Protein backbone atom coordinates (compact mmCIF):
# COMPACT_ATOMS: atom_id res chain seq x y z
CA MET A 1 191.38 -28.71 -92.06
CA PRO A 2 192.79 -25.78 -89.85
CA PRO A 3 189.79 -23.30 -89.84
CA LYS A 4 191.34 -20.27 -91.40
CA GLN A 5 192.36 -22.58 -94.31
CA LEU A 6 188.03 -23.80 -94.92
CA VAL A 7 187.36 -19.87 -94.96
CA LEU A 8 189.76 -19.48 -97.96
CA ILE A 9 188.45 -21.90 -99.64
CA VAL A 10 185.36 -20.52 -98.95
CA ALA A 11 186.38 -17.37 -100.14
CA GLY A 12 187.47 -18.55 -103.59
CA VAL A 13 183.77 -20.50 -103.80
CA PHE A 14 182.37 -17.15 -103.31
CA SER A 15 184.52 -15.10 -105.84
CA ALA A 16 183.52 -17.83 -108.17
CA ILE A 17 179.32 -17.60 -107.40
CA LEU A 18 180.09 -13.84 -107.37
CA GLY A 19 181.23 -14.18 -111.52
CA LEU A 20 178.02 -16.05 -112.16
CA PHE A 21 176.06 -13.41 -110.30
CA VAL A 22 177.46 -10.54 -112.37
CA VAL A 23 176.24 -12.60 -115.82
CA LEU A 24 173.12 -13.44 -114.66
CA LEU A 25 172.09 -10.30 -113.19
CA GLN A 26 171.53 -7.30 -115.52
CA PRO A 27 173.78 -4.02 -115.56
CA GLY A 28 171.23 -2.21 -113.67
CA ASN A 29 171.08 -4.53 -110.57
CA HIS A 30 174.77 -4.45 -109.64
CA ARG A 31 174.36 -2.04 -106.58
CA ILE A 32 173.10 -5.56 -105.12
CA ILE A 33 175.58 -7.65 -106.09
CA ARG A 34 178.08 -4.93 -104.46
CA LEU A 35 175.96 -5.11 -101.16
CA ILE A 36 176.32 -9.11 -101.01
CA SER A 37 179.47 -8.96 -101.83
CA LEU A 38 180.38 -6.35 -99.53
CA THR A 39 178.81 -7.90 -96.67
CA CYS A 40 179.90 -11.51 -97.34
CA ILE A 41 183.69 -10.00 -97.62
CA SER A 42 183.29 -8.38 -94.45
CA LEU A 43 181.81 -11.45 -92.88
CA LEU A 44 184.86 -13.48 -94.26
CA VAL A 45 187.73 -11.06 -93.02
CA LEU A 46 185.92 -11.27 -89.74
CA ALA A 47 185.92 -15.14 -89.88
CA TRP A 48 189.52 -15.40 -91.03
CA CYS A 49 190.39 -12.84 -87.64
CA HIS A 50 188.50 -14.39 -85.37
CA PHE A 51 190.21 -17.94 -86.05
CA ASP A 52 193.79 -16.44 -86.68
CA SER A 53 193.24 -14.84 -83.16
CA LEU A 54 192.25 -18.05 -81.20
CA GLU A 55 195.26 -19.75 -82.95
CA ARG A 56 197.88 -16.89 -82.18
CA ARG A 57 195.65 -16.70 -78.79
CA GLN A 58 195.20 -12.65 -78.91
CA PRO A 59 192.38 -10.78 -77.99
CA LEU A 60 189.96 -9.63 -80.74
CA TYR A 61 188.73 -6.96 -79.39
CA THR A 62 185.20 -5.75 -79.32
CA TRP A 63 185.86 -2.43 -81.23
CA LEU A 64 187.80 -4.15 -83.87
CA ARG A 65 185.32 -6.73 -84.65
CA GLY A 66 183.13 -3.92 -84.95
CA LEU A 67 185.86 -2.14 -87.62
CA ILE A 68 186.10 -5.34 -89.20
CA LEU A 69 182.30 -5.51 -90.11
CA PHE A 70 182.40 -2.01 -91.16
CA LEU A 71 185.53 -1.36 -93.06
CA GLY A 72 185.59 -5.00 -93.90
CA LEU A 73 189.31 -5.66 -96.31
CA PHE A 74 190.90 -2.38 -94.69
CA ALA A 75 190.61 -3.02 -91.12
CA LEU A 76 191.91 -6.67 -92.01
CA PHE A 77 195.25 -4.69 -92.65
CA ILE A 78 195.00 -2.97 -89.36
CA TYR A 79 194.73 -6.01 -88.02
CA LEU A 80 197.22 -7.75 -88.97
CA PHE A 81 199.93 -5.03 -88.02
CA LYS A 82 198.14 -5.14 -84.58
CA SER A 83 198.37 -8.82 -84.27
CA ARG A 84 201.37 -9.14 -85.86
CA GLY A 85 204.01 -5.67 -85.41
CA LEU A 86 205.11 -3.85 -88.13
CA LYS A 87 207.53 -6.41 -89.61
CA GLN A 88 205.37 -9.59 -89.87
CA GLY A 89 202.88 -7.06 -90.30
CA LEU A 90 203.97 -6.32 -93.77
CA LEU A 91 204.77 -9.44 -94.74
CA SER A 92 201.54 -10.66 -93.34
CA SER A 93 199.91 -7.99 -95.47
CA GLY A 94 201.72 -8.61 -98.80
CA LEU A 95 200.72 -11.82 -98.30
CA ALA A 96 196.70 -11.13 -97.47
CA LEU A 97 197.21 -8.64 -101.40
CA LEU A 98 198.56 -11.91 -103.15
CA SER A 99 195.54 -13.83 -101.54
CA LEU A 100 193.14 -10.41 -102.56
CA CYS A 101 194.49 -10.84 -106.24
CA GLY A 102 194.37 -14.78 -106.74
CA LEU A 103 190.46 -14.28 -105.48
CA TYR A 104 189.92 -11.80 -107.66
CA VAL A 105 191.59 -13.22 -110.59
CA ILE A 106 188.76 -16.30 -109.45
CA THR A 107 185.71 -13.91 -110.24
CA LEU A 108 187.14 -12.38 -113.68
CA SER A 109 187.74 -16.11 -114.78
CA SER A 110 184.18 -17.61 -113.63
CA TYR A 111 182.42 -14.34 -115.01
CA PHE A 112 184.18 -14.95 -118.54
CA LEU A 113 183.41 -18.72 -118.09
CA PHE A 114 179.95 -17.73 -117.62
CA THR A 115 179.62 -15.39 -119.66
CA VAL A 116 180.59 -17.91 -122.55
CA LEU A 117 178.65 -20.60 -121.44
CA LEU A 118 175.38 -18.75 -121.18
CA ILE A 119 175.27 -16.06 -123.60
CA GLY A 120 178.27 -17.70 -126.17
CA ILE A 121 180.35 -15.74 -128.10
CA GLU A 122 179.45 -13.42 -130.75
């Protein structure tokens, strides 16, 4: 399995687990969920960009790695335009947004599923 696909599968599993954590933790503890999720998302974006740069045989500059770790998803779009140019960057950004919407749906679905399983329907 190509490494970029593996990163996307890990992102899907992370999204499902994130829905469970939102159900299990009390409402006042959602700051920790945000911190963990932002860190994990940044690391997943960095891993995907790293494997993409290896596949395309383009350097992933140190400043861009730092930007990815600091800005996460926003830096993904910078990377896509930098590595692909304007036209392919727009197309890749659209596909990335579609993927992000899919991951959000996975998170919401797991949230509702675990809510029903653990708390029940009233």
